[in-house]
C-alpha atoms as a PDB file:
ATOM      1  CA  MET A   1      47.830 -54.165 -25.114  1.00  0.00           C
ATOM      2  CA  LYS A   2      47.535 -51.512 -22.439  1.00  0.00           C
ATOM      3  CA  ILE A   3      49.483 -49.250 -24.670  1.00  0.00           C
ATOM      4  CA  THR A   4      47.149 -49.597 -27.626  1.00  0.00           C
ATOM      5  CA  LYS A   5      44.225 -48.794 -25.375  1.00  0.00           C
ATOM      6  CA  LYS A   6      45.723 -45.648 -24.070  1.00  0.00           C
ATOM      7  CA  ALA A   7      46.809 -44.563 -27.459  1.00  0.00           C
ATOM      8  CA  ALA A   8      43.292 -45.094 -28.853  1.00  0.00           C
ATOM      9  CA  SER A   9      41.811 -43.010 -26.047  1.00  0.00           C
ATOM     10  CA  VAL A  10      44.164 -40.217 -26.682  1.00  0.00           C
ATOM     11  CA  ILE A  11      43.460 -40.245 -30.439  1.00  0.00           C
ATOM     12  CA  SER A  12      39.770 -40.373 -29.898  1.00  0.00           C
ATOM     13  CA  LEU A  13      39.851 -37.348 -27.342  1.00  0.00           C
ATOM     14  CA  VAL A  14      42.071 -35.301 -29.782  1.00  0.00           C
ATOM     15  CA  ALA A  15      39.616 -36.088 -32.773  1.00  0.00           C
ATOM     16  CA  ALA A  16      36.514 -35.210 -30.467  1.00  0.00           C
ATOM     17  CA  CYS A  17      38.343 -31.779 -29.538  1.00  0.00           C
ATOM     18  CA  ILE A  18      39.087 -31.052 -33.198  1.00  0.00           C
ATOM     19  CA  MET A  19      35.510 -31.781 -34.270  1.00  0.00           C
ATOM     20  CA  LEU A  20      34.171 -29.642 -31.550  1.00  0.00           C
ATOM     21  CA  ALA A  21      36.369 -26.729 -32.634  1.00  0.00           C
ATOM     22  CA  VAL A  22      35.372 -27.039 -36.155  1.00  0.00           C
ATOM     23  CA  ALA A  23      31.781 -26.923 -35.185  1.00  0.00           C
ATOM     24  CA  VAL A  24      32.065 -23.971 -32.992  1.00  0.00           C
ATOM     25  CA  LEU A  25      34.038 -22.080 -35.704  1.00  0.00           C
ATOM     26  CA  ALA A  26      31.378 -22.961 -38.537  1.00  0.00           C
ATOM     27  CA  ALA A  27      28.429 -21.948 -36.477  1.00  0.00           C
ATOM     28  CA  GLY A  28      28.822 -18.292 -37.578  1.00  0.00           C
ATOM     29  CA  GLY A  29      28.160 -15.183 -35.678  1.00  0.00           C
ATOM     30  CA  ASP A  30      30.934 -12.951 -37.048  1.00  0.00           C
ATOM     31  CA  SER A  31      30.654  -9.956 -38.945  1.00  0.00           C
ATOM     32  CA  SER A  32      31.011 -11.737 -42.098  1.00  0.00           C
ATOM     33  CA  ASP A  33      28.351 -14.480 -41.118  1.00  0.00           C
ATOM     34  CA  PRO A  34      25.943 -12.816 -38.431  1.00  0.00           C
ATOM     35  CA  LEU A  35      23.485 -15.010 -36.458  1.00  0.00           C
ATOM     36  CA  VAL A  36      20.587 -12.297 -37.118  1.00  0.00           C
ATOM     37  CA  ALA A  37      20.161 -10.137 -39.937  1.00  0.00           C
ATOM     38  CA  GLN A  38      20.369  -6.267 -39.220  1.00  0.00           C
ATOM     39  CA  SER A  39      16.953  -5.806 -41.031  1.00  0.00           C
ATOM     40  CA  TYR A  40      15.357  -8.063 -38.699  1.00  0.00           C
ATOM     41  CA  VAL A  41      16.850  -6.327 -35.695  1.00  0.00           C
ATOM     42  CA  ASP A  42      15.943  -2.917 -37.070  1.00  0.00           C
ATOM     43  CA  LYS A  43      12.274  -4.054 -37.828  1.00  0.00           C
ATOM     44  CA  LYS A  44      11.855  -5.292 -34.337  1.00  0.00           C
ATOM     45  CA  VAL A  45      13.353  -1.976 -32.716  1.00  0.00           C
ATOM     46  CA  ASN A  46      11.134   0.120 -35.004  1.00  0.00           C
ATOM     47  CA  ASN A  47       7.980  -1.813 -33.863  1.00  0.00           C
ATOM     48  CA  LEU A  48       9.031  -1.298 -30.329  1.00  0.00           C
ATOM     49  CA  GLN A  49       9.370   2.478 -30.834  1.00  0.00           C
ATOM     50  CA  ALA A  50       6.141   2.731 -32.463  1.00  0.00           C
ATOM     51  CA  MET A  51       4.441   1.196 -29.451  1.00  0.00           C
ATOM     52  CA  VAL A  52       6.346   3.508 -27.050  1.00  0.00           C
ATOM     53  CA  ASP A  53       5.237   6.532 -29.148  1.00  0.00           C
ATOM     54  CA  ASP A  54       1.728   5.368 -29.076  1.00  0.00           C
ATOM     55  CA  LEU A  55       1.792   4.899 -25.249  1.00  0.00           C
ATOM     56  CA  LYS A  56       3.272   8.388 -24.897  1.00  0.00           C
ATOM     57  CA  SER A  57       0.564  10.065 -26.954  1.00  0.00           C
ATOM     58  CA  ARG A  58      -2.119   8.181 -24.845  1.00  0.00           C
ATOM     59  CA  VAL A  59      -0.686   9.448 -21.557  1.00  0.00           C
ATOM     60  CA  ASP A  60      -0.381  13.006 -22.989  1.00  0.00           C
ATOM     61  CA  SER A  61      -3.971  12.793 -24.150  1.00  0.00           C
ATOM     62  CA  LEU A  62      -5.054  12.196 -20.598  1.00  0.00           C
ATOM     63  CA  GLY A  63      -3.796  15.667 -19.738  1.00  0.00           C
ATOM     64  CA  GLY A  64      -5.133  16.924 -16.398  1.00  0.00           C
ATOM     65  CA  ASN A  65      -7.018  13.781 -15.683  1.00  0.00           C
ATOM     66  CA  THR A  66      -3.920  12.088 -14.410  1.00  0.00           C
ATOM     67  CA  PRO A  67      -4.348  11.553 -10.547  1.00  0.00           C
ATOM     68  CA  THR A  68      -1.653  12.803  -8.374  1.00  0.00           C
ATOM     69  CA  ALA A  69      -1.204  11.847  -4.734  1.00  0.00           C
ATOM     70  CA  THR A  70      -0.993  15.142  -2.486  1.00  0.00           C
ATOM     71  CA  PRO A  71      -0.985  15.339   1.176  1.00  0.00           C
ATOM     72  CA  SER A  72      -4.298  16.605   2.482  1.00  0.00           C
ATOM     73  CA  ASP A  73      -6.472  16.339   5.654  1.00  0.00           C
ATOM     74  CA  ALA A  74      -8.188  13.382   4.377  1.00  0.00           C
ATOM     75  CA  LEU A  75      -4.959  11.405   3.812  1.00  0.00           C
ATOM     76  CA  SER A  76      -3.067  12.181   6.935  1.00  0.00           C
ATOM     77  CA  TYR A  77      -3.663  12.190  10.672  1.00  0.00           C
ATOM     78  CA  LYS A  78      -3.918  15.211  12.858  1.00  0.00           C
ATOM     79  CA  VAL A  79      -2.976  15.156  16.573  1.00  0.00           C
ATOM     80  CA  VAL A  80      -6.090  16.359  18.598  1.00  0.00           C
ATOM     81  CA  THR A  81      -6.096  16.812  22.287  1.00  0.00           C
ATOM     82  CA  LEU A  82      -9.236  16.990  24.421  1.00  0.00           C
ATOM     83  CA  LYS A  83      -9.628  18.584  27.818  1.00  0.00           C
ATOM     84  CA  ASN A  84     -11.876  17.252  30.679  1.00  0.00           C
ATOM     85  CA  GLY A  85     -15.475  17.122  29.436  1.00  0.00           C
ATOM     86  CA  GLN A  86     -14.880  17.883  25.790  1.00  0.00           C
ATOM     87  CA  THR A  87     -16.175  15.471  23.153  1.00  0.00           C
ATOM     88  CA  LEU A  88     -14.985  14.599  19.723  1.00  0.00           C
ATOM     89  CA  TYR A  89     -17.678  13.973  17.281  1.00  0.00           C
ATOM     90  CA  ALA A  90     -17.569  12.654  13.759  1.00  0.00           C
ATOM     91  CA  SER A  91     -18.913  15.324  11.348  1.00  0.00           C
ATOM     92  CA  GLY A  92     -19.745  15.335   7.678  1.00  0.00           C
ATOM     93  CA  ASP A  93     -22.437  13.290   6.105  1.00  0.00           C
ATOM     94  CA  GLU A  94     -23.828   9.654   6.331  1.00  0.00           C
ATOM     95  CA  SER A  95     -21.064   8.611   3.549  1.00  0.00           C
ATOM     96  CA  THR A  96     -18.020   9.907   5.667  1.00  0.00           C
ATOM     97  CA  SER A  97     -16.265   7.948   8.456  1.00  0.00           C
ATOM     98  CA  LEU A  98     -13.830   8.980  11.299  1.00  0.00           C
ATOM     99  CA  GLU A  99     -10.848   7.209  12.197  1.00  0.00           C
ATOM    100  CA  VAL A 100      -9.352   7.764  15.514  1.00  0.00           C
ATOM    101  CA  ILE A 101      -6.415   6.327  17.364  1.00  0.00           C
ATOM    102  CA  TYR A 102      -6.541   7.166  21.142  1.00  0.00           C
ATOM    103  CA  ARG A 103      -3.143   7.475  22.309  1.00  0.00           C
ATOM    104  CA  ARG A 104      -3.187   8.305  26.057  1.00  0.00           C
ATOM    105  CA  GLY A 105      -4.651  10.438  28.640  1.00  0.00           C
ATOM    106  CA  GLY A 106      -7.446   9.971  31.315  1.00  0.00           C
ATOM    107  CA  THR A 107     -10.756   8.263  30.857  1.00  0.00           C
ATOM    108  CA  VAL A 108     -12.328   8.449  27.441  1.00  0.00           C
ATOM    109  CA  VAL A 109     -15.710   7.053  27.074  1.00  0.00           C
ATOM    110  CA  VAL A 110     -17.943   6.677  23.954  1.00  0.00           C
ATOM    111  CA  VAL A 111     -20.973   8.977  23.381  1.00  0.00           C
ATOM    112  CA  SER A 112     -23.555   7.464  21.306  1.00  0.00           C
ATOM    113  CA  PRO A 113     -27.301   8.331  21.024  1.00  0.00           C
ATOM    114  CA  PHE A 114     -28.027   4.797  19.866  1.00  0.00           C
ATOM    115  CA  THR A 115     -28.801   3.344  23.286  1.00  0.00           C
ATOM    116  CA  ASP A 116     -32.130   1.518  22.783  1.00  0.00           C
ATOM    117  CA  ALA A 117     -31.463  -2.352  22.542  1.00  0.00           C
ATOM    118  CA  SER A 118     -32.985  -2.607  18.993  1.00  0.00           C
ATOM    119  CA  THR A 119     -30.833   0.265  17.690  1.00  0.00           C
ATOM    120  CA  ARG A 120     -27.810   0.032  19.782  1.00  0.00           C
ATOM    121  CA  GLN A 121     -24.793   1.226  17.948  1.00  0.00           C
ATOM    122  CA  GLY A 122     -21.382   2.311  19.167  1.00  0.00           C
ATOM    123  CA  VAL A 123     -17.857   2.784  18.030  1.00  0.00           C
ATOM    124  CA  SER A 124     -15.816  -0.057  16.287  1.00  0.00           C
ATOM    125  CA  ASP A 125     -12.433  -0.777  18.130  1.00  0.00           C
ATOM    126  CA  PHE A 126     -10.412  -2.664  15.497  1.00  0.00           C
ATOM    127  CA  THR A 127      -7.464  -3.170  17.694  1.00  0.00           C
ATOM    128  CA  HIS A 128      -9.466  -5.416  20.199  1.00  0.00           C
ATOM    129  CA  GLY A 129     -12.233  -6.710  17.657  1.00  0.00           C
ATOM    130  CA  THR A 130     -15.063  -5.300  19.689  1.00  0.00           C
ATOM    131  CA  GLU A 131     -17.870  -2.463  19.614  1.00  0.00           C
ATOM    132  CA  ILE A 132     -17.600   0.007  22.454  1.00  0.00           C
ATOM    133  CA  TYR A 133     -21.015   1.368  23.473  1.00  0.00           C
ATOM    134  CA  ASN A 134     -22.449   4.382  24.999  1.00  0.00           C
ATOM    135  CA  GLY A 135     -20.601   5.021  28.372  1.00  0.00           C
ATOM    136  CA  GLU A 136     -18.072   2.458  28.138  1.00  0.00           C
ATOM    137  CA  THR A 137     -14.461   3.068  28.510  1.00  0.00           C
ATOM    138  CA  ILE A 138     -11.809   3.077  25.746  1.00  0.00           C
ATOM    139  CA  PRO A 139      -8.556   1.460  26.215  1.00  0.00           C
ATOM    140  CA  THR A 140      -5.440   3.351  25.253  1.00  0.00           C
ATOM    141  CA  ASP A 141      -3.796   2.839  21.952  1.00  0.00           C
ATOM    142  CA  SER A 142      -7.104   1.586  20.359  1.00  0.00           C
ATOM    143  CA  TYR A 143      -7.777   1.987  16.621  1.00  0.00           C
ATOM    144  CA  LEU A 144     -11.286   3.209  16.441  1.00  0.00           C
ATOM    145  CA  ILE A 145     -13.906   3.827  13.414  1.00  0.00           C
ATOM    146  CA  ILE A 146     -16.966   6.030  13.967  1.00  0.00           C
ATOM    147  CA  PRO A 147     -18.652   4.746  10.622  1.00  0.00           C
ATOM    148  CA  ARG A 148     -21.084   7.777   9.877  1.00  0.00           C
ATOM    149  CA  GLY A 149     -20.532  11.509  10.220  1.00  0.00           C
ATOM    150  CA  SER A 150     -23.152  13.602  12.184  1.00  0.00           C
ATOM    151  CA  ASP A 151     -25.077  10.857  13.685  1.00  0.00           C
ATOM    152  CA  GLY A 152     -24.223  11.827  17.127  1.00  0.00           C
ATOM    153  CA  ARG A 153     -21.366   9.467  17.896  1.00  0.00           C
ATOM    154  CA  GLY A 154     -18.351  10.439  19.427  1.00  0.00           C
ATOM    155  CA  LEU A 155     -15.473  10.250  22.195  1.00  0.00           C
ATOM    156  CA  MET A 156     -15.771  12.193  25.481  1.00  0.00           C
ATOM    157  CA  ALA A 157     -12.600  12.882  27.852  1.00  0.00           C
ATOM    158  CA  THR A 158     -13.618  12.499  31.630  1.00  0.00           C
ATOM    159  CA  ASN A 159     -11.615  12.521  34.821  1.00  0.00           C
ATOM    160  CA  LEU A 160      -8.482  13.687  33.223  1.00  0.00           C
ATOM    161  CA  GLY A 161      -7.428  15.681  36.235  1.00  0.00           C
ATOM    162  CA  GLU A 162      -6.238  19.267  36.499  1.00  0.00           C
ATOM    163  CA  GLY A 163      -4.294  20.390  33.305  1.00  0.00           C
ATOM    164  CA  HIS A 164      -4.284  17.041  31.710  1.00  0.00           C
ATOM    165  CA  SER A 165      -5.452  16.231  28.141  1.00  0.00           C
ATOM    166  CA  ALA A 166      -6.341  13.060  26.163  1.00  0.00           C
ATOM    167  CA  TYR A 167      -4.524  12.528  23.057  1.00  0.00           C
ATOM    168  CA  PHE A 168      -5.706  11.234  19.731  1.00  0.00           C
ATOM    169  CA  LEU A 169      -4.665  10.748  16.105  1.00  0.00           C
ATOM    170  CA  VAL A 170      -7.615  11.651  13.976  1.00  0.00           C
ATOM    171  CA  ARG A 171      -8.309  11.100  10.168  1.00  0.00           C
ATOM    172  CA  GLY A 172     -11.572  12.494   8.740  1.00  0.00           C
ATOM    173  CA  GLU A 173     -13.940  15.233   9.342  1.00  0.00           C
ATOM    174  CA  TYR A 174     -14.665  16.020  13.158  1.00  0.00           C
ATOM    175  CA  GLU A 175     -15.701  18.730  15.502  1.00  0.00           C
ATOM    176  CA  ILE A 176     -15.094  19.261  19.220  1.00  0.00           C
ATOM    177  CA  LYS A 177     -17.706  20.500  21.552  1.00  0.00           C
END
């Protein structure tokens, strides 16, 4: 009885393999019986090509209005040095701001005309999350923002010592006095 069960299992396995082979061969996909008609593929390719051509013509119609990124003073930082007693002021108008990274040097203090308790404004220190007011010292390696140009706020180098400078990275419009 054991031999009969083994024989039946082998016969069943062989039959399953033969049926699987016939199903695979009958599925099509060769040159005489393709899975997809050539006309269908050609139609889809032509539709995609038409879309690409349309997008190209739209881009071409933009002409000179296409923005290009070019390095300029507004996009890059400049190295600025201050001698003892010199002040770096934000210039420009009310809509411009000045970004400053104070690297190193001697003592640098904020200069601000807004000293009244009701109008007190300073320079934003984004590194430490504080606002630094008139006469206060700025820590080195601080990222600072002077929010409006030409309103009188700036950074003054003091107590630098003979021949020393304070070093900054600056982005935006500024003047040194």
